[in-house]
Amino acid sequence: MRSRLTLAASLMLLALTAAALAHPALADGPSPTPLPEAISGPSVETLLATARGLNLECTTFRAPLGDEWSCNREVVKNVYYIVSFPVTDPLLLQAFVSGPLPWPEDHDQFFFDFAAPFCEFTSTTLIVNFFPTARGSSNEGTFLDDQACRLFSDYMTESGGLAVQQLTAWAKIDPAALPTLPPTLPPTAIPTAIPTAIPTVIPTAPPPLATATASPAAIASAPAPGPTPAEGPGGDDSVIAPGGFVHSVPPPSAVASEPLIVAESLALAGLLVLLMPFPAQLFNSTLETHYKTVRRWFRLDALQRASGRLGGFWDSLVGVLLFVLLSAVVYALLDPNLSIDARGAATIAGMAIGIVLTTIMASAPSLVDALRNHTAWRLRALPATLVVGLICVLISRLTGFLPGYLYGVILGFVFARELSRTEQGRANGLAAAALLVMALVAWFLLALIGPDPSGVVATIAATALSTLLVAGLEAVVFGLLPFRFLPGEPLHATNRLFWAALLLIGAFGFFHILINPASGYLSSSARTPLLTIVGLFVAFALVSVGFWAYFRNKPVEA
């Protein structure tokens, strides 16, 4: 395990291991392996989002059977929640609660949140009752089976009031592939002995324990699991906390500093800078030559007239505010934990603040120039960006990528004086630099808030800062692509060195912070979003080449 343990934690870890060796269910033996009939299970992204939604800190480590994610948190003094699962094809999972009794009341909720993704939704009641049943069973532990999963839980106490309960979850088939009707014969949780074919062990890096005194009976009579802080009722400010979108943004301390991983991120960013200009130039030159034909294809003249009829509304204060709210709602759908309650409202409010600040920063140099020269300007909404936002959210949710794609520039500033091409390129370059500085400052401010913010104000602030980081980096990466109608095109045409430096920094931050904060790019946690973004850039290139090939031998319209 990569996380640095203190000497005291190491001693407690040794004590727990020694106790485990004397316990039949936790006896030394081979690590659990997937069931032979296993077909598919929950995605790594789902399990990581669950862990981060519970404020667990996650890192990767090398285990005997391959790389694994290990996520843990000290809930109260010396009581730890820990979960581990493979970084590739997680067909099994192990979770532990350990420490002096009594434990927090949400310890069964912790187990439930990681068991439920493996099992049928119709087994919810059985799973809820499964963990208290395991505590009251004999030392051999308890099993629960349904069509999608097998669960095993064991519980032990030692002298000094120490206790540990484990969960091992095996996948059989993705629950989404099963019918939604209740099964004819619902599964039952029956205490049984552990078969030798599926041994269970403490994970490679189990949670540390500390000494304390309490009655073991306190855990056996624990109440039914209650909601976690992130899932509490919206009317109580104390239980409002950020959801998966905020928790998917890694703090600086969680981002890898290993030279190999840093080099991988730099290499990907460098390839983007080197390879994108050619298809962009091909696309731009073809578009300029056949611009009249393209306008006729897409009915741009008719769309421009329709936009002009609605322009007065989008230029008004009401239109701008309404559009900001709509955009915030769309992008808030990136959060898989979004709900219609006070927490959802706080998420949307934070998203709206972040989007507005990103938009202002993207136009700040031009706005400063207009104010300095007393040039008239006005603010207006850009309706087409709502379509872009819906596409970004759809791609993010389909690929399971958190924090997702958030191109947050939704408003535009219209100036009375039109800038020259050189002036526009310089302004766009300064705007991209301002966005990068904004993203970096927001990232460190987010770290200062801490991993467990709670309350309406803290949730709004954490969501706004996360939006500034994600939207700032992605606005630079996507906006600086040198395609016609994107901010990067005039900058690339007038100052290629400045353009390359900005895109390299932005792409490095995008790959290293958002896509791959902790492990190599061959890990499954990084593979899906990485392949998605590579696919988008390949699509840009293919469209450019196809666009040029179509017009290659066609005459130019007068």
Protein backbone atom coordinates (compact mmCIF):
# COMPACT_ATOMS: atom_id res chain seq x y z
CA MET A 1 0.00 0.00 0.00
CA ARG A 2 1.44 3.37 -1.01
CA SER A 3 0.00 5.47 1.77
CA ARG A 4 2.52 6.15 4.55
CA LEU A 5 1.55 4.53 7.84
CA THR A 6 2.79 5.94 11.12
CA LEU A 7 4.69 3.72 13.54
CA ALA A 8 1.64 3.46 15.79
CA ALA A 9 -0.61 2.46 12.91
CA SER A 10 1.93 -0.17 11.85
CA LEU A 11 1.95 -1.69 15.32
CA MET A 12 -1.85 -1.76 15.38
CA LEU A 13 -1.82 -3.38 11.93
CA LEU A 14 0.48 -6.13 13.24
CA ALA A 15 -1.83 -6.66 16.21
CA LEU A 16 -4.84 -7.06 13.92
CA THR A 17 -2.94 -9.48 11.69
CA ALA A 18 -1.91 -11.58 14.65
CA ALA A 19 -5.50 -11.73 15.85
CA ALA A 20 -6.67 -12.66 12.37
CA LEU A 21 -4.29 -15.62 12.20
CA ALA A 22 -6.02 -17.13 15.23
CA HIS A 23 -9.49 -16.70 13.75
CA PRO A 24 -10.87 -19.46 11.46
CA ALA A 25 -12.65 -17.18 8.98
CA LEU A 26 -9.71 -14.80 8.62
CA ALA A 27 -7.03 -17.45 8.53
CA ASP A 28 -4.01 -17.11 6.33
CA GLY A 29 -4.45 -18.48 2.85
CA PRO A 30 -4.64 -17.49 -0.80
CA SER A 31 -6.37 -14.26 -1.71
CA PRO A 32 -9.98 -14.63 -2.86
CA THR A 33 -10.43 -15.02 -6.59
CA PRO A 34 -13.42 -14.36 -8.89
CA LEU A 35 -16.06 -17.04 -9.11
CA PRO A 36 -15.68 -19.40 -12.11
CA GLU A 37 -19.14 -18.41 -13.37
CA ALA A 38 -18.42 -14.65 -13.10
CA ILE A 39 -19.36 -12.80 -16.28
CA SER A 40 -19.30 -9.11 -15.36
CA GLY A 41 -19.61 -6.83 -12.39
CA PRO A 42 -19.74 -3.18 -11.43
CA SER A 43 -17.30 -0.81 -13.12
CA VAL A 44 -14.25 0.62 -11.39
CA GLU A 45 -15.71 4.09 -11.94
CA THR A 46 -18.87 3.13 -10.02
CA LEU A 47 -16.90 1.77 -7.06
CA LEU A 48 -14.54 4.77 -6.99
CA ALA A 49 -17.47 7.18 -7.14
CA THR A 50 -19.07 5.33 -4.21
CA ALA A 51 -15.83 5.49 -2.23
CA ARG A 52 -15.31 9.18 -2.88
CA GLY A 53 -18.96 9.88 -2.16
CA LEU A 54 -18.27 8.42 1.30
CA ASN A 55 -15.18 10.65 1.62
CA LEU A 56 -12.72 7.75 1.47
CA GLU A 57 -9.20 8.49 0.27
CA CYS A 58 -8.19 6.17 -2.55
CA THR A 59 -4.80 5.06 -3.84
CA THR A 60 -3.45 2.11 -5.79
CA PHE A 61 -1.03 -0.55 -4.56
CA ARG A 62 0.49 -3.75 -5.84
CA ALA A 63 -1.18 -6.90 -4.50
CA PRO A 64 -0.18 -10.55 -5.08
CA LEU A 65 -2.85 -10.96 -7.77
CA GLY A 66 -2.37 -7.57 -9.44
CA ASP A 67 -2.87 -3.86 -8.85
CA GLU A 68 -5.72 -2.88 -6.55
CA TRP A 69 -7.48 0.23 -5.37
CA SER A 70 -7.43 0.74 -1.61
CA CYS A 71 -9.79 3.36 -0.15
CA ASN A 72 -9.94 4.16 3.54
CA ARG A 73 -11.04 6.72 6.11
CA GLU A 74 -10.79 7.15 9.87
CA VAL A 75 -14.46 7.80 10.66
CA VAL A 76 -14.00 8.47 14.37
CA LYS A 77 -10.90 8.06 16.50
CA ASN A 78 -9.26 4.70 15.67
CA VAL A 79 -12.33 3.36 13.79
CA TYR A 80 -11.52 2.76 10.14
CA TYR A 81 -13.52 1.99 7.01
CA ILE A 82 -11.50 0.37 4.23
CA VAL A 83 -12.35 -1.20 0.88
CA SER A 84 -10.16 -2.74 -1.82
CA PHE A 85 -10.86 -4.04 -5.32
CA PRO A 86 -8.86 -4.70 -8.50
CA VAL A 87 -8.08 -1.80 -10.84
CA THR A 88 -9.05 -4.02 -13.79
CA ASP A 89 -12.34 -5.95 -14.05
CA PRO A 90 -13.43 -5.82 -10.37
CA LEU A 91 -15.26 -9.13 -10.12
CA LEU A 92 -14.73 -9.14 -6.35
CA LEU A 93 -14.35 -6.65 -3.51
CA GLN A 94 -13.32 -6.71 0.13
CA ALA A 95 -14.42 -4.18 2.74
CA PHE A 96 -13.61 -3.86 6.44
CA VAL A 97 -14.81 -1.92 9.46
CA SER A 98 -12.45 -2.14 12.41
CA GLY A 99 -11.70 -0.44 15.68
CA PRO A 100 -12.85 -0.16 19.30
CA LEU A 101 -16.54 -0.58 20.03
CA PRO A 102 -19.06 0.98 19.75
CA TRP A 103 -18.82 1.79 16.04
CA PRO A 104 -20.60 4.69 14.28
CA GLU A 105 -24.21 3.95 13.35
CA ASP A 106 -23.53 4.16 9.60
CA HIS A 107 -21.11 1.20 9.50
CA ASP A 108 -23.78 -1.08 7.96
CA GLN A 109 -24.56 1.65 5.41
CA PHE A 110 -20.87 1.55 4.41
CA PHE A 111 -21.08 -2.21 3.78
CA PHE A 112 -24.42 -1.85 1.97
CA ASP A 113 -23.12 0.85 -0.40
CA PHE A 114 -20.38 -1.48 -1.67
CA ALA A 115 -22.42 -4.69 -1.68
CA ALA A 116 -25.41 -3.26 -3.55
CA PRO A 117 -23.60 -2.61 -6.91
CA PHE A 118 -22.81 -6.34 -7.12
CA CYS A 119 -26.33 -7.61 -6.42
CA GLU A 120 -29.89 -7.41 -7.74
CA PHE A 121 -31.91 -4.42 -6.64
CA THR A 122 -34.61 -6.83 -5.46
CA SER A 123 -32.18 -8.07 -2.79
CA THR A 124 -32.02 -4.70 -1.03
CA THR A 125 -33.91 -5.78 2.09
CA LEU A 126 -31.88 -8.97 2.37
CA ILE A 127 -28.61 -7.05 2.11
CA VAL A 128 -29.71 -4.55 4.76
CA ASN A 129 -30.41 -7.39 7.19
CA PHE A 130 -27.37 -9.42 6.13
CA PHE A 131 -24.68 -7.56 8.09
CA PRO A 132 -26.40 -7.60 11.52
CA THR A 133 -27.10 -11.30 10.89
CA ALA A 134 -23.40 -11.90 10.25
CA ARG A 135 -22.49 -10.33 13.58
CA GLY A 136 -24.83 -12.68 15.38
CA SER A 137 -23.69 -15.82 13.55
CA SER A 138 -21.01 -18.29 14.53
CA ASN A 139 -17.35 -17.78 13.74
CA GLU A 140 -17.75 -19.41 10.35
CA GLY A 141 -19.52 -16.35 8.94
CA THR A 142 -22.59 -15.88 6.75
CA PHE A 143 -23.29 -16.11 3.01
CA LEU A 144 -25.94 -14.53 0.82
CA ASP A 145 -26.51 -15.46 -2.83
CA ASP A 146 -28.68 -14.08 -5.61
CA GLN A 147 -28.50 -14.27 -9.41
CA ALA A 148 -25.95 -11.46 -9.65
CA CYS A 149 -23.70 -11.83 -6.60
CA ARG A 150 -22.41 -13.80 -3.64
CA LEU A 151 -21.71 -12.02 -0.34
CA PHE A 152 -19.78 -13.26 2.66
CA SER A 153 -19.41 -11.45 6.00
CA ASP A 154 -17.59 -12.44 9.15
CA TYR A 155 -17.27 -10.71 12.53
CA MET A 156 -14.76 -11.11 15.33
CA THR A 157 -13.96 -9.43 18.64
CA GLU A 158 -10.75 -9.48 20.62
CA SER A 159 -9.75 -8.49 24.13
CA GLY A 160 -9.71 -4.78 24.80
CA GLY A 161 -12.98 -4.11 22.98
CA LEU A 162 -11.47 -4.38 19.49
CA ALA A 163 -13.69 -5.70 16.70
CA VAL A 164 -13.49 -6.20 12.94
CA GLN A 165 -16.14 -7.13 10.39
CA GLN A 166 -15.37 -7.96 6.80
CA LEU A 167 -17.34 -8.14 3.59
CA THR A 168 -16.31 -10.07 0.51
CA ALA A 169 -18.50 -9.52 -2.56
CA TRP A 170 -18.22 -11.70 -5.65
CA ALA A 171 -19.86 -10.82 -8.97
CA LYS A 172 -21.64 -13.37 -11.13
CA ILE A 173 -23.25 -11.11 -13.72
CA ASP A 174 -23.93 -7.41 -14.02
CA PRO A 175 -27.29 -6.78 -12.26
CA ALA A 176 -28.29 -4.45 -15.10
CA ALA A 177 -28.55 -7.49 -17.39
CA LEU A 178 -31.19 -9.15 -15.21
CA PRO A 179 -34.97 -8.66 -15.41
CA THR A 180 -36.37 -5.97 -13.15
CA LEU A 181 -39.24 -8.15 -11.85
CA PRO A 182 -38.79 -9.70 -8.39
CA PRO A 183 -37.37 -13.23 -8.48
CA THR A 184 -39.76 -16.13 -7.91
CA LEU A 185 -37.67 -17.49 -5.04
CA PRO A 186 -35.96 -14.64 -3.22
CA PRO A 187 -32.49 -15.47 -1.88
CA THR A 188 -32.01 -15.98 1.82
CA ALA A 189 -29.09 -15.25 4.12
CA ILE A 190 -28.22 -18.55 5.81
CA PRO A 191 -25.22 -18.85 8.17
CA THR A 192 -22.88 -21.53 6.87
CA ALA A 193 -19.29 -22.62 7.01
CA ILE A 194 -16.77 -21.14 4.62
CA PRO A 195 -16.05 -23.50 1.73
CA THR A 196 -12.37 -24.19 1.14
CA ALA A 197 -12.78 -23.20 -2.50
CA ILE A 198 -13.39 -19.56 -1.60
CA PRO A 199 -11.15 -18.59 1.31
CA THR A 200 -11.26 -15.09 2.73
CA VAL A 201 -8.35 -13.11 4.08
CA ILE A 202 -7.50 -9.70 5.38
CA PRO A 203 -6.52 -7.49 2.41
CA THR A 204 -2.85 -6.67 1.78
CA ALA A 205 -3.16 -3.42 3.76
CA PRO A 206 -5.92 -3.82 6.39
CA PRO A 207 -7.05 -0.87 8.50
CA PRO A 208 -5.15 -0.11 11.69
CA LEU A 209 -6.79 -0.55 15.08
CA ALA A 210 -6.25 1.07 18.46
CA THR A 211 -7.00 -0.11 21.95
CA ALA A 212 -10.11 0.95 23.81
CA THR A 213 -12.75 -0.62 26.01
CA ALA A 214 -16.38 -1.18 25.07
CA SER A 215 -18.93 -3.93 25.11
CA PRO A 216 -19.03 -6.26 22.08
CA ALA A 217 -22.80 -6.37 22.56
CA ALA A 218 -22.97 -2.78 21.34
CA ILE A 219 -22.13 -3.83 17.81
CA ALA A 220 -24.46 -6.86 17.78
CA SER A 221 -27.42 -4.68 18.60
CA ALA A 222 -26.55 -1.88 16.17
CA PRO A 223 -29.61 -0.15 14.66
CA ALA A 224 -30.61 -0.41 11.03
CA PRO A 225 -28.24 1.55 8.77
CA GLY A 226 -29.08 5.21 8.42
CA PRO A 227 -28.22 7.62 5.63
CA THR A 228 -24.67 8.77 5.11
CA PRO A 229 -24.03 12.53 5.42
CA ALA A 230 -24.14 12.87 1.65
CA GLU A 231 -27.50 11.13 1.47
CA GLY A 232 -29.35 12.71 4.35
CA PRO A 233 -32.58 14.66 4.08
CA GLY A 234 -32.27 17.97 2.38
CA GLY A 235 -33.90 19.99 5.13
CA ASP A 236 -31.05 19.56 7.62
CA ASP A 237 -28.09 21.75 6.78
CA SER A 238 -25.72 19.54 8.78
CA VAL A 239 -26.14 16.58 6.42
CA ILE A 240 -25.76 18.48 3.15
CA ALA A 241 -22.45 17.57 1.52
CA PRO A 242 -20.98 17.54 -2.01
CA GLY A 243 -21.67 14.52 -4.20
CA GLY A 244 -19.65 12.50 -6.66
CA PHE A 245 -18.67 15.42 -8.93
CA VAL A 246 -16.69 17.18 -6.18
CA HIS A 247 -15.26 14.00 -4.69
CA SER A 248 -14.01 12.88 -8.11
CA VAL A 249 -11.66 15.90 -8.24
CA PRO A 250 -8.44 14.71 -6.59
CA PRO A 251 -6.61 17.02 -4.17
CA PRO A 252 -2.96 17.87 -4.93
CA SER A 253 -1.81 15.29 -2.37
CA ALA A 254 -3.58 12.48 -4.31
CA VAL A 255 -2.01 13.26 -7.69
CA ALA A 256 0.88 11.01 -8.66
CA SER A 257 4.38 12.44 -8.60
CA GLU A 258 6.14 9.32 -9.91
CA PRO A 259 8.38 10.29 -12.87
CA LEU A 260 6.95 7.58 -15.13
CA ILE A 261 3.34 8.68 -14.69
CA VAL A 262 4.28 12.37 -15.07
CA ALA A 263 6.17 11.45 -18.25
CA GLU A 264 3.10 9.62 -19.58
CA SER A 265 0.94 12.71 -19.07
CA LEU A 266 3.52 14.97 -20.70
CA ALA A 267 3.83 12.59 -23.65
CA LEU A 268 0.08 12.59 -24.24
CA ALA A 269 -0.05 16.38 -24.01
CA GLY A 270 2.90 16.69 -26.40
CA LEU A 271 1.27 14.38 -28.93
CA LEU A 272 -1.86 16.50 -28.84
CA VAL A 273 0.15 19.67 -29.54
CA LEU A 274 2.10 18.04 -32.36
CA LEU A 275 -0.68 16.15 -34.12
CA MET A 276 -3.71 18.46 -34.03
CA PRO A 277 -2.48 21.40 -36.23
CA PHE A 278 -2.41 19.37 -39.46
CA PRO A 279 -6.07 18.20 -39.53
CA ALA A 280 -7.12 21.63 -38.24
CA GLN A 281 -5.34 23.47 -41.04
CA LEU A 282 -6.80 21.03 -43.57
CA PHE A 283 -10.30 21.67 -42.22
CA ASN A 284 -9.89 25.45 -42.04
CA SER A 285 -8.52 25.88 -45.56
CA THR A 286 -11.27 23.67 -47.03
CA LEU A 287 -13.95 25.57 -45.13
CA GLU A 288 -12.68 28.96 -46.27
CA THR A 289 -12.61 27.82 -49.89
CA HIS A 290 -16.13 26.33 -49.88
CA TYR A 291 -17.76 28.46 -47.20
CA LYS A 292 -20.86 29.32 -49.28
CA THR A 293 -21.61 25.65 -49.91
CA VAL A 294 -21.26 24.77 -46.23
CA ARG A 295 -23.57 27.64 -45.21
CA ARG A 296 -26.20 26.30 -47.60
CA TRP A 297 -25.79 22.73 -46.28
CA PHE A 298 -26.50 23.65 -42.68
CA ARG A 299 -29.04 26.41 -43.43
CA LEU A 300 -26.80 28.86 -41.58
CA ASP A 301 -28.53 31.87 -43.09
CA ALA A 302 -31.93 30.70 -41.81
CA LEU A 303 -30.46 29.87 -38.39
CA GLN A 304 -28.84 33.29 -38.22
CA ARG A 305 -32.17 34.99 -38.97
CA ALA A 306 -33.93 32.87 -36.31
CA SER A 307 -31.21 33.66 -33.80
CA GLY A 308 -31.57 37.35 -34.58
CA ARG A 309 -35.29 37.23 -33.74
CA LEU A 310 -34.45 35.76 -30.32
CA GLY A 311 -31.35 37.87 -29.84
CA GLY A 312 -33.15 40.53 -27.87
CA PHE A 313 -34.24 38.01 -25.25
CA TRP A 314 -30.80 36.41 -24.85
CA ASP A 315 -29.25 39.88 -24.52
CA SER A 316 -31.59 40.77 -21.66
CA LEU A 317 -30.75 40.23 -18.00
CA VAL A 318 -33.63 37.74 -17.64
CA GLY A 319 -32.45 35.79 -20.68
CA VAL A 320 -28.88 35.61 -19.42
CA LEU A 321 -29.92 34.52 -15.92
CA LEU A 322 -32.31 31.90 -17.29
CA PHE A 323 -29.64 30.53 -19.59
CA VAL A 324 -27.09 30.33 -16.76
CA LEU A 325 -29.62 28.38 -14.68
CA LEU A 326 -30.40 25.99 -17.56
CA SER A 327 -26.71 25.39 -18.22
CA ALA A 328 -26.02 24.78 -14.53
CA VAL A 329 -28.83 22.20 -14.38
CA VAL A 330 -27.47 20.44 -17.48
CA TYR A 331 -23.90 20.28 -16.20
CA ALA A 332 -25.04 19.32 -12.69
CA LEU A 333 -26.23 16.06 -14.29
CA LEU A 334 -22.55 15.11 -14.41
CA ASP A 335 -22.94 14.32 -10.70
CA PRO A 336 -24.38 10.80 -10.33
CA ASN A 337 -25.56 11.73 -6.82
CA LEU A 338 -27.69 14.70 -7.97
CA SER A 339 -31.12 14.72 -6.34
CA ILE A 340 -34.07 17.07 -6.03
CA ASP A 341 -33.38 18.40 -2.56
CA ALA A 342 -31.31 21.01 -0.76
CA ARG A 343 -28.07 19.28 -1.70
CA GLY A 344 -29.08 19.24 -5.37
CA ALA A 345 -29.93 22.94 -5.20
CA ALA A 346 -26.54 23.68 -3.61
CA THR A 347 -24.81 21.67 -6.37
CA ILE A 348 -26.64 23.61 -9.10
CA ALA A 349 -25.87 26.94 -7.39
CA GLY A 350 -22.18 26.09 -7.12
CA MET A 351 -22.11 24.94 -10.73
CA ALA A 352 -23.74 28.21 -11.87
CA ILE A 353 -21.19 30.30 -9.96
CA GLY A 354 -18.31 28.32 -11.45
CA ILE A 355 -19.67 28.56 -14.99
CA VAL A 356 -20.20 32.35 -14.77
CA LEU A 357 -16.69 32.94 -13.39
CA THR A 358 -15.19 30.71 -16.10
CA THR A 359 -17.04 32.64 -18.80
CA ILE A 360 -15.91 36.00 -17.41
CA MET A 361 -12.30 34.81 -17.17
CA ALA A 362 -12.42 33.53 -20.77
CA SER A 363 -13.31 37.05 -22.00
CA ALA A 364 -11.40 39.04 -19.37
CA PRO A 365 -8.60 40.40 -21.64
CA SER A 366 -11.05 41.66 -24.28
CA LEU A 367 -13.32 43.09 -21.59
CA VAL A 368 -10.42 44.93 -19.91
CA ASP A 369 -9.38 46.36 -23.28
CA ALA A 370 -12.93 47.57 -23.95
CA LEU A 371 -13.19 49.21 -20.55
CA ARG A 372 -9.80 50.87 -20.94
CA ASN A 373 -10.73 52.31 -24.35
CA HIS A 374 -14.33 53.15 -23.32
CA THR A 375 -15.67 50.80 -26.00
CA ALA A 376 -19.32 49.75 -25.75
CA TRP A 377 -19.98 46.08 -24.94
CA ARG A 378 -22.86 43.82 -23.96
CA LEU A 379 -23.29 40.33 -22.53
CA ARG A 380 -25.38 37.68 -24.24
CA ALA A 381 -26.12 33.99 -23.91
CA LEU A 382 -24.85 31.52 -26.50
CA PRO A 383 -27.74 29.06 -27.05
CA ALA A 384 -25.66 26.61 -29.09
CA THR A 385 -23.51 25.89 -26.05
CA LEU A 386 -26.50 24.24 -24.38
CA VAL A 387 -26.39 21.55 -27.07
CA VAL A 388 -22.65 21.19 -26.48
CA GLY A 389 -23.33 20.80 -22.75
CA LEU A 390 -25.91 18.06 -23.31
CA ILE A 391 -23.47 16.17 -25.54
CA CYS A 392 -20.69 16.52 -22.94
CA VAL A 393 -22.93 15.20 -20.17
CA LEU A 394 -24.16 12.32 -22.34
CA ILE A 395 -20.62 11.23 -23.25
CA SER A 396 -19.48 11.53 -19.64
CA ARG A 397 -22.35 9.47 -18.24
CA LEU A 398 -22.14 6.79 -20.94
CA THR A 399 -18.41 6.31 -20.33
CA GLY A 400 -18.70 6.62 -16.54
CA PHE A 401 -16.12 9.43 -16.50
CA LEU A 402 -16.06 11.69 -13.45
CA PRO A 403 -15.76 14.66 -13.10
CA GLY A 404 -16.75 14.57 -16.77
CA TYR A 405 -16.52 16.91 -19.75
CA LEU A 406 -17.52 20.45 -18.80
CA TYR A 407 -16.87 23.09 -21.47
CA GLY A 408 -18.16 25.92 -19.31
CA VAL A 409 -18.01 28.95 -21.65
CA ILE A 410 -21.72 29.63 -22.16
CA LEU A 411 -21.83 33.44 -22.38
CA GLY A 412 -20.27 35.83 -24.86
CA PHE A 413 -19.27 39.48 -24.78
CA VAL A 414 -20.15 41.53 -27.88
CA PHE A 415 -17.92 44.58 -28.41
CA ALA A 416 -18.58 47.62 -30.57
CA ARG A 417 -15.01 47.60 -31.94
CA GLU A 418 -13.98 44.49 -33.84
CA LEU A 419 -10.50 43.29 -32.97
CA SER A 420 -7.92 42.60 -35.65
CA ARG A 421 -6.75 39.03 -36.15
CA THR A 422 -3.52 39.70 -34.26
CA GLU A 423 -5.39 41.40 -31.41
CA GLN A 424 -7.88 38.55 -31.23
CA GLY A 425 -5.11 35.97 -31.10
CA ARG A 426 -3.33 37.84 -28.30
CA ALA A 427 -6.56 38.26 -26.34
CA ASN A 428 -7.42 34.58 -26.69
CA GLY A 429 -3.93 33.61 -25.53
CA LEU A 430 -4.16 35.82 -22.44
CA ALA A 431 -7.63 34.44 -21.72
CA ALA A 432 -6.30 30.86 -21.87
CA ALA A 433 -3.46 31.79 -19.51
CA ALA A 434 -5.98 33.38 -17.12
CA LEU A 435 -8.12 30.21 -17.22
CA LEU A 436 -5.10 28.07 -16.32
CA VAL A 437 -4.20 30.33 -13.38
CA MET A 438 -7.85 30.32 -12.27
CA ALA A 439 -7.97 26.50 -12.41
CA LEU A 440 -4.75 26.17 -10.39
CA VAL A 441 -5.89 28.63 -7.70
CA ALA A 442 -9.29 26.90 -7.47
CA TRP A 443 -7.57 23.52 -7.09
CA PHE A 444 -5.51 24.63 -4.09
CA LEU A 445 -8.46 26.47 -2.52
CA LEU A 446 -10.49 23.27 -2.86
CA ALA A 447 -7.75 21.41 -0.99
CA LEU A 448 -7.95 23.99 1.82
CA ILE A 449 -11.67 23.25 2.28
CA GLY A 450 -10.73 19.69 3.15
CA PRO A 451 -12.07 16.27 2.10
CA ASP A 452 -15.28 16.40 4.16
CA PRO A 453 -17.07 19.73 3.65
CA SER A 454 -20.64 19.86 4.95
CA GLY A 455 -23.42 22.42 4.95
CA VAL A 456 -24.99 24.51 2.20
CA VAL A 457 -22.22 27.13 1.98
CA ALA A 458 -19.42 24.55 1.95
CA THR A 459 -21.20 22.46 -0.71
CA ILE A 460 -21.71 25.51 -2.95
CA ALA A 461 -18.09 26.60 -2.48
CA ALA A 462 -16.65 23.13 -3.14
CA THR A 463 -18.83 22.67 -6.25
CA ALA A 464 -17.91 26.13 -7.58
CA LEU A 465 -14.18 25.53 -7.08
CA SER A 466 -14.39 22.07 -8.67
CA THR A 467 -16.21 23.63 -11.63
CA LEU A 468 -13.51 26.29 -12.00
CA LEU A 469 -10.82 23.60 -12.12
CA VAL A 470 -12.62 21.24 -14.50
CA ALA A 471 -14.09 23.91 -16.79
CA GLY A 472 -10.86 25.93 -16.81
CA LEU A 473 -8.68 23.02 -17.91
CA GLU A 474 -11.17 21.68 -20.43
CA ALA A 475 -11.90 25.12 -21.91
CA VAL A 476 -8.17 25.45 -22.64
CA VAL A 477 -7.75 21.93 -24.04
CA PHE A 478 -10.81 22.01 -26.30
CA GLY A 479 -10.91 25.76 -26.95
CA LEU A 480 -7.29 25.98 -28.13
CA LEU A 481 -7.71 23.36 -30.83
CA PRO A 482 -6.85 25.39 -33.94
CA PHE A 483 -10.16 24.86 -35.75
CA ARG A 484 -12.14 27.66 -37.35
CA PHE A 485 -14.60 29.32 -34.92
CA LEU A 486 -12.58 28.15 -31.88
CA PRO A 487 -10.42 30.59 -29.86
CA GLY A 488 -7.29 28.60 -30.64
CA GLU A 489 -7.37 29.29 -34.38
CA PRO A 490 -6.36 33.00 -34.39
CA LEU A 491 -3.79 32.37 -31.63
CA HIS A 492 -2.25 29.48 -33.59
CA ALA A 493 -2.13 31.64 -36.71
CA THR A 494 -0.42 34.61 -35.01
CA ASN A 495 1.77 33.11 -32.25
CA ARG A 496 2.33 29.37 -32.51
CA LEU A 497 4.90 29.19 -29.72
CA PHE A 498 2.52 30.80 -27.20
CA TRP A 499 -0.29 28.57 -28.48
CA ALA A 500 1.81 25.40 -28.09
CA ALA A 501 2.94 26.31 -24.55
CA LEU A 502 -0.61 27.02 -23.36
CA LEU A 503 -2.08 23.88 -24.92
CA LEU A 504 0.75 21.75 -23.53
CA ILE A 505 0.19 23.04 -19.98
CA GLY A 506 -3.59 22.71 -20.24
CA ALA A 507 -3.46 19.22 -21.75
CA PHE A 508 -0.96 18.07 -19.11
CA GLY A 509 -3.28 19.27 -16.34
CA PHE A 510 -6.27 17.65 -18.03
CA PHE A 511 -4.59 14.26 -18.44
CA HIS A 512 -2.67 14.22 -15.16
CA ILE A 513 -5.24 15.71 -12.76
CA LEU A 514 -8.65 14.84 -14.21
CA ILE A 515 -8.13 11.63 -16.17
CA ASN A 516 -5.26 9.91 -14.40
CA PRO A 517 -4.45 11.30 -10.95
CA ALA A 518 -2.91 8.23 -9.33
CA SER A 519 -1.98 5.31 -11.59
CA GLY A 520 -0.66 4.30 -14.98
CA TYR A 521 -2.75 4.85 -18.08
CA LEU A 522 -3.18 1.11 -18.57
CA SER A 523 -5.28 0.92 -15.41
CA SER A 524 -9.00 0.51 -16.05
CA SER A 525 -9.78 3.61 -14.00
CA ALA A 526 -7.96 5.74 -16.58
CA ARG A 527 -8.65 3.70 -19.69
CA THR A 528 -12.29 4.63 -20.35
CA PRO A 529 -11.96 8.44 -20.23
CA LEU A 530 -8.60 8.28 -21.98
CA LEU A 531 -9.98 6.22 -24.85
CA THR A 532 -12.97 8.55 -25.04
CA ILE A 533 -10.85 11.68 -25.35
CA VAL A 534 -8.51 10.00 -27.83
CA GLY A 535 -11.59 8.95 -29.79
CA LEU A 536 -12.83 12.56 -29.86
CA PHE A 537 -9.53 13.85 -31.20
CA VAL A 538 -9.35 11.04 -33.77
CA ALA A 539 -12.90 11.97 -34.83
CA PHE A 540 -11.77 15.59 -35.29
CA ALA A 541 -8.96 14.38 -37.55
CA LEU A 542 -11.13 11.98 -39.57
CA VAL A 543 -13.82 14.61 -40.12
CA SER A 544 -11.17 17.06 -41.29
CA VAL A 545 -9.66 14.61 -43.77
CA GLY A 546 -13.09 13.50 -45.01
CA PHE A 547 -14.18 17.14 -45.37
CA TRP A 548 -11.11 17.91 -47.47
CA ALA A 549 -11.46 14.73 -49.57
CA TYR A 550 -15.09 15.52 -50.43
CA PHE A 551 -14.25 18.94 -51.84
CA ARG A 552 -10.93 17.98 -53.40
CA ASN A 553 -12.12 17.94 -57.03
CA LYS A 554 -15.23 20.13 -56.70
CA PRO A 555 -15.27 23.61 -58.25
CA VAL A 556 -15.46 26.63 -55.97
CA GLU A 557 -18.77 28.50 -56.05
CA ALA A 558 -18.58 32.10 -57.13
